Amino acid sequence: MKKTDASEEESTDESATEESTSDESTAKETAKTTDEESGSDEDENTTVDSSPDTKWANADEITDEILEQATVVKFTAIPTEKEFARDHHFKFRLEGDGQLYVRVDKGLKARSGYELAENHANIVEPAELPQEIEIQGDGGLLALGGERKLSIRSRGVPVIKFEIDRVLSTQINHLVSQTEGEFQAPEFKNASFDQDNISRIAREDQTIALQNKWKANYSAFDLAKYLQKPADGGSERGLFFVTARGWDPVAKKFIKNVKTTRFILVSDLGLLVKKNADQTSDVFVVSIKTGQPIAGVP
């Protein structure tokens, strides 16, 4: 009986030892898990999301650590008309996504002598530059003996789709009678009648090498190949409606409100009219390229 008791006591001791070992193992695993979670919390607390896509709700969220990773924007004060002004304006150059953090340090003195008691900080959302296309220059005349190219300025447009409407010489009477306004930008009087009714239409795409979406890009559009005499004997010559539209190759659609149109005459003949004192006029035909008179023109 005593042996049995001893055996039972040994068994109980071993069981207690196993339970104690199990408890210690569990405690160690729990401590390890707690340390890992604590370490994870520390990692989360020390990680700062300063990507351009991050949006801060107010200036109080901006810490010194975030400012160390920010880009300093240099600005220039714009002089005011008065010696003392309530409103002050600054100009700066900004090329990049993100928000502007503006801070005025305390101690700034007003005209009355009062000092700013505390730092003043604010978050400013800079206005985005619009996507745009523009045909450079104001006129609508190109010299036939020159390069016959249009200078194009664009911003944030990866592809420009050109439509070239070459007016038929037999339809010039309709062009004159059905339009009004400036020469380089005539407007059709009737909504159901436009350049499509009097022109031969061609299309061309131009890919722009974008450096970023803020910088202006300059390119040229060459009209030389559209000045060749049509192979089918068409009557088109050097009158064009040129339309440029922005195209998004990813979305595969035109960019809204990014469009420009210009009416272009390509010729080397110009008319110089001089009025005389007796109310008569002398008309001379001159070369647009050289400005010199041209002889033998009927």
Protein backbone atom coordinates (compact mmCIF):
# COMPACT_ATOMS: atom_id res chain seq x y z
CA MET A 1 0.00 0.00 0.00
CA LYS A 2 2.83 2.29 0.86
CA LYS A 3 4.50 1.52 -2.46
CA THR A 4 1.36 2.23 -4.25
CA ASP A 5 1.03 5.45 -2.37
CA ALA A 6 4.58 6.36 -3.27
CA SER A 7 3.90 5.52 -6.87
CA GLU A 8 0.81 7.69 -6.82
CA GLU A 9 2.80 10.51 -5.20
CA GLU A 10 5.52 10.22 -7.85
CA SER A 11 2.89 10.22 -10.56
CA THR A 12 1.29 13.25 -9.01
CA ASP A 13 4.67 14.99 -8.80
CA GLU A 14 5.42 14.22 -12.46
CA SER A 15 1.98 15.45 -13.45
CA ALA A 16 2.56 18.60 -11.43
CA THR A 17 5.96 19.00 -13.09
CA GLU A 18 4.39 18.61 -16.57
CA GLU A 19 1.65 21.10 -15.72
CA SER A 20 4.25 23.50 -14.36
CA THR A 21 6.35 23.09 -17.49
CA SER A 22 3.25 23.57 -19.62
CA ASP A 23 2.35 26.70 -17.67
CA GLU A 24 5.87 28.06 -18.08
CA SER A 25 5.81 27.30 -21.80
CA THR A 26 2.42 28.96 -22.12
CA ALA A 27 3.64 31.95 -20.17
CA LYS A 28 6.71 32.23 -22.40
CA GLU A 29 4.59 32.00 -25.56
CA THR A 30 2.19 34.58 -24.17
CA ALA A 31 5.09 36.88 -23.28
CA LYS A 32 6.57 36.37 -26.74
CA THR A 33 3.25 37.13 -28.39
CA THR A 34 2.86 40.20 -26.21
CA ASP A 35 6.36 41.36 -27.15
CA GLU A 36 5.62 40.81 -30.85
CA GLU A 37 2.35 42.73 -30.58
CA SER A 38 4.14 45.46 -28.65
CA GLY A 39 6.85 45.57 -31.27
CA SER A 40 4.20 45.68 -33.99
CA ASP A 41 2.51 48.57 -32.21
CA GLU A 42 5.83 50.38 -31.98
CA ASP A 43 6.43 49.82 -35.68
CA GLU A 44 2.99 51.16 -36.48
CA ASN A 45 3.55 54.18 -34.27
CA THR A 46 6.92 55.01 -35.81
CA THR A 47 5.81 54.55 -39.44
CA VAL A 48 4.84 57.80 -41.13
CA ASP A 49 2.78 57.83 -44.31
CA SER A 50 4.08 60.82 -46.22
CA SER A 51 3.15 59.69 -49.75
CA PRO A 52 1.73 62.32 -52.14
CA ASP A 53 -1.68 60.64 -51.93
CA THR A 54 -1.92 61.24 -48.18
CA LYS A 55 -4.44 63.94 -47.29
CA TRP A 56 -4.09 65.77 -43.98
CA ALA A 57 -7.27 67.14 -42.43
CA ASN A 58 -5.60 69.98 -40.54
CA ALA A 59 -2.20 71.38 -39.61
CA ASP A 60 -2.26 69.78 -36.13
CA GLU A 61 -1.67 66.38 -37.76
CA ILE A 62 1.65 67.51 -39.22
CA THR A 63 4.56 66.48 -37.02
CA ASP A 64 8.22 67.47 -37.18
CA GLU A 65 9.00 64.01 -38.57
CA ILE A 66 6.60 64.58 -41.45
CA LEU A 67 8.08 68.02 -42.15
CA GLU A 68 11.56 66.50 -42.36
CA GLN A 69 10.36 64.39 -45.31
CA ALA A 70 8.55 67.29 -47.00
CA THR A 71 9.90 69.43 -49.84
CA VAL A 72 10.56 73.07 -49.03
CA VAL A 73 8.78 75.42 -51.44
CA LYS A 74 10.55 78.71 -52.12
CA PHE A 75 8.30 81.73 -52.52
CA THR A 76 8.62 85.41 -53.37
CA ALA A 77 6.56 88.21 -51.85
CA ILE A 78 4.64 90.34 -54.33
CA PRO A 79 5.08 94.05 -53.51
CA THR A 80 1.93 95.91 -52.47
CA GLU A 81 0.86 99.36 -53.59
CA LYS A 82 0.65 100.62 -50.01
CA GLU A 83 3.40 100.64 -47.42
CA PHE A 84 1.15 98.81 -44.99
CA ALA A 85 -1.43 96.33 -46.29
CA ARG A 86 -3.84 93.89 -44.71
CA ASP A 87 -3.48 91.35 -47.52
CA HIS A 88 -0.15 89.95 -48.66
CA HIS A 89 0.43 87.86 -51.77
CA PHE A 90 3.22 85.45 -52.64
CA LYS A 91 4.19 83.59 -55.78
CA PHE A 92 5.85 80.20 -55.96
CA ARG A 93 6.50 77.39 -58.40
CA LEU A 94 5.00 74.03 -57.53
CA GLU A 95 5.41 70.87 -59.61
CA GLY A 96 4.15 67.86 -57.73
CA ASP A 97 1.16 66.39 -55.94
CA GLY A 98 0.44 67.03 -52.30
CA GLN A 99 -0.67 69.76 -49.93
CA LEU A 100 0.99 72.98 -48.82
CA TYR A 101 1.82 73.36 -45.14
CA VAL A 102 2.06 77.06 -44.30
CA ARG A 103 3.33 78.26 -40.92
CA VAL A 104 3.86 81.75 -39.54
CA ASP A 105 6.12 81.71 -36.49
CA LYS A 106 5.11 83.53 -33.37
CA GLY A 107 6.67 86.93 -32.72
CA LEU A 108 5.57 88.46 -36.02
CA LYS A 109 4.88 92.14 -35.36
CA ALA A 110 1.92 94.04 -36.72
CA ARG A 111 2.03 97.74 -37.61
CA SER A 112 0.39 98.55 -34.28
CA GLY A 113 3.16 96.75 -32.41
CA TYR A 114 1.22 93.66 -31.41
CA GLU A 115 3.09 90.37 -31.74
CA LEU A 116 1.75 87.01 -32.84
CA ALA A 117 1.49 85.08 -29.59
CA GLU A 118 1.53 81.54 -31.04
CA ASN A 119 2.63 79.81 -34.19
CA HIS A 120 -0.06 79.89 -36.85
CA ALA A 121 -0.20 76.93 -39.24
CA ASN A 122 -2.61 75.89 -41.96
CA ILE A 123 -3.04 73.34 -44.75
CA VAL A 124 -3.60 74.73 -48.25
CA GLU A 125 -4.82 72.77 -51.27
CA PRO A 126 -2.95 74.15 -54.31
CA ALA A 127 -5.03 74.60 -57.45
CA GLU A 128 -4.22 72.11 -60.19
CA LEU A 129 -3.09 73.41 -63.56
CA PRO A 130 -5.69 72.55 -66.23
CA GLN A 131 -5.11 70.23 -69.14
CA GLU A 132 -5.04 72.38 -72.26
CA ILE A 133 -4.13 72.71 -75.94
CA GLU A 134 -3.37 75.98 -77.69
CA ILE A 135 -2.35 76.89 -81.22
CA GLN A 136 0.34 79.54 -80.73
CA GLY A 137 -0.02 82.98 -82.27
CA ASP A 138 -3.12 84.98 -83.08
CA GLY A 139 -3.28 85.00 -86.87
CA GLY A 140 -4.54 82.56 -89.45
CA LEU A 141 -1.99 82.99 -92.24
CA LEU A 142 1.01 80.82 -93.11
CA ALA A 143 3.50 81.57 -95.87
CA LEU A 144 3.47 78.94 -98.60
CA GLY A 145 7.22 79.33 -99.03
CA GLY A 146 7.90 78.88 -95.31
CA GLU A 147 7.81 75.87 -93.00
CA ARG A 148 3.99 75.67 -93.07
CA LYS A 149 3.91 74.44 -89.49
CA LEU A 150 1.66 75.32 -86.58
CA SER A 151 3.24 75.72 -83.14
CA ILE A 152 1.26 73.81 -80.50
CA ARG A 153 1.47 74.29 -76.75
CA SER A 154 -0.14 71.66 -74.52
CA ARG A 155 -0.16 70.64 -70.86
CA GLY A 156 -1.08 67.29 -69.36
CA VAL A 157 -2.21 65.85 -72.72
CA PRO A 158 -0.55 62.56 -73.77
CA VAL A 159 -2.08 62.44 -77.27
CA ILE A 160 -3.39 65.20 -79.54
CA LYS A 161 -5.91 64.21 -82.21
CA PHE A 162 -5.95 66.59 -85.16
CA GLU A 163 -8.80 66.98 -87.63
CA ILE A 164 -7.85 68.81 -90.81
CA ASP A 165 -10.78 70.08 -92.88
CA ARG A 166 -9.48 71.25 -96.26
CA VAL A 167 -12.01 73.62 -97.83
CA LEU A 168 -12.96 72.94 -101.44
CA SER A 169 -12.24 75.88 -103.72
CA THR A 170 -15.67 75.39 -105.28
CA GLN A 171 -17.24 75.97 -101.84
CA ILE A 172 -15.53 79.25 -100.92
CA ASN A 173 -18.73 81.13 -101.73
CA HIS A 174 -20.52 79.13 -99.01
CA LEU A 175 -17.63 79.73 -96.61
CA VAL A 176 -18.01 83.48 -97.10
CA SER A 177 -21.80 83.62 -97.03
CA GLN A 178 -22.39 81.21 -94.15
CA THR A 179 -19.81 82.51 -91.65
CA GLU A 180 -19.20 85.62 -89.59
CA GLY A 181 -16.62 86.86 -87.09
CA GLU A 182 -12.84 87.03 -87.25
CA PHE A 183 -10.86 85.54 -90.13
CA GLN A 184 -8.91 83.07 -87.98
CA ALA A 185 -12.02 82.02 -86.05
CA PRO A 186 -15.11 82.21 -88.30
CA GLU A 187 -18.43 81.11 -86.84
CA PHE A 188 -21.08 79.39 -88.92
CA LYS A 189 -24.48 81.08 -88.76
CA ASN A 190 -26.48 77.87 -89.12
CA ALA A 191 -25.97 75.03 -86.63
CA SER A 192 -26.78 72.44 -89.31
CA PHE A 193 -24.10 73.74 -91.70
CA ASP A 194 -20.40 73.81 -90.85
CA GLN A 195 -16.95 73.02 -92.26
CA ASP A 196 -17.82 69.33 -92.63
CA ASN A 197 -20.20 70.29 -95.48
CA ILE A 198 -17.57 72.12 -97.55
CA SER A 199 -14.32 70.26 -96.83
CA ARG A 200 -12.30 67.14 -97.40
CA ILE A 201 -11.54 65.71 -93.94
CA ALA A 202 -8.30 64.10 -92.76
CA ARG A 203 -7.19 63.01 -89.29
CA GLU A 204 -3.82 62.63 -87.63
CA ASP A 205 -2.64 61.68 -84.12
CA GLN A 206 0.38 63.18 -82.39
CA THR A 207 1.90 61.57 -79.29
CA ILE A 208 3.40 63.98 -76.74
CA ALA A 209 6.38 62.98 -74.59
CA LEU A 210 5.08 64.08 -71.20
CA GLN A 211 7.68 64.83 -68.52
CA ASN A 212 4.94 65.48 -65.97
CA LYS A 213 1.40 66.80 -65.92
CA TRP A 214 2.39 70.34 -64.92
CA LYS A 215 5.03 71.34 -67.46
CA ALA A 216 4.00 72.88 -70.78
CA ASN A 217 4.99 70.91 -73.89
CA TYR A 218 5.72 72.45 -77.28
CA SER A 219 5.28 70.63 -80.57
CA ALA A 220 4.69 71.42 -84.24
CA PHE A 221 2.02 70.30 -86.66
CA ASP A 222 3.12 70.19 -90.30
CA LEU A 223 0.55 71.05 -92.99
CA ALA A 224 2.94 70.35 -95.89
CA LYS A 225 1.50 66.96 -96.88
CA TYR A 226 -2.04 68.34 -96.89
CA LEU A 227 -1.09 70.99 -99.47
CA GLN A 228 -0.43 68.46 -102.22
CA LYS A 229 -2.86 68.43 -105.10
CA PRO A 230 -5.47 65.69 -104.56
CA ALA A 231 -4.87 62.59 -106.66
CA ASP A 232 -8.54 62.42 -107.59
CA GLY A 233 -8.48 65.95 -109.02
CA GLY A 234 -10.27 67.57 -106.09
CA SER A 235 -10.48 71.34 -105.88
CA GLU A 236 -8.99 71.73 -102.36
CA ARG A 237 -6.12 74.17 -102.03
CA GLY A 238 -4.76 76.07 -99.02
CA LEU A 239 -7.78 76.80 -96.80
CA PHE A 240 -8.02 74.71 -93.62
CA PHE A 241 -10.03 74.36 -90.47
CA VAL A 242 -7.59 72.74 -88.02
CA THR A 243 -9.03 71.27 -84.83
CA ALA A 244 -6.85 69.81 -82.04
CA ARG A 245 -8.39 67.76 -79.21
CA GLY A 246 -6.87 66.07 -76.18
CA TRP A 247 -7.11 62.28 -76.06
CA ASP A 248 -6.76 59.94 -73.08
CA PRO A 249 -5.24 56.67 -74.39
CA VAL A 250 -5.96 54.82 -71.12
CA ALA A 251 -9.65 55.71 -70.87
CA LYS A 252 -9.84 55.73 -74.70
CA LYS A 253 -11.89 58.91 -74.87
CA PHE A 254 -11.50 62.62 -75.54
CA ILE A 255 -10.48 64.80 -72.60
CA LYS A 256 -13.38 67.05 -71.71
CA ASN A 257 -13.10 70.72 -72.73
CA VAL A 258 -9.54 70.30 -74.09
CA LYS A 259 -9.98 71.53 -77.65
CA THR A 260 -8.94 74.37 -79.95
CA THR A 261 -9.75 75.31 -83.57
CA ARG A 262 -8.08 77.68 -86.00
CA PHE A 263 -8.90 78.68 -89.59
CA ILE A 264 -5.67 78.72 -91.61
CA LEU A 265 -4.85 80.14 -95.04
CA VAL A 266 -1.59 78.88 -96.57
CA SER A 267 -0.54 81.19 -99.38
CA ASP A 268 2.37 83.28 -100.61
CA LEU A 269 0.17 85.97 -102.11
CA GLY A 270 -1.01 88.96 -100.15
CA LEU A 271 -2.82 92.15 -101.06
CA LEU A 272 -1.52 95.57 -100.11
CA VAL A 273 -4.13 98.30 -100.52
CA LYS A 274 -3.21 102.00 -100.47
CA LYS A 275 -5.87 104.69 -100.41
CA ASN A 276 -5.22 107.85 -102.37
CA ALA A 277 -6.27 111.42 -101.59
CA ASP A 278 -8.90 111.32 -104.34
CA GLN A 279 -10.55 108.35 -102.56
CA THR A 280 -9.24 105.86 -105.10
CA SER A 281 -7.15 102.84 -104.11
CA ASP A 282 -4.09 101.18 -105.51
CA VAL A 283 -3.90 97.40 -104.98
CA PHE A 284 -0.58 95.55 -105.02
CA VAL A 285 0.10 91.84 -104.89
CA VAL A 286 3.03 91.07 -102.61
CA SER A 287 4.89 88.00 -101.42
CA ILE A 288 4.00 87.13 -97.82
CA LYS A 289 7.39 85.54 -97.35
CA THR A 290 9.54 88.45 -98.61
CA GLY A 291 7.11 91.39 -98.49
CA GLN A 292 8.16 92.37 -102.04
CA PRO A 293 5.75 93.09 -104.93
CA ILE A 294 5.09 90.26 -107.37
CA ALA A 295 5.03 91.09 -111.04
CA GLY A 296 2.83 89.55 -113.70
CA VAL A 297 -0.07 88.63 -111.40
CA PRO A 298 -3.40 89.18 -113.22
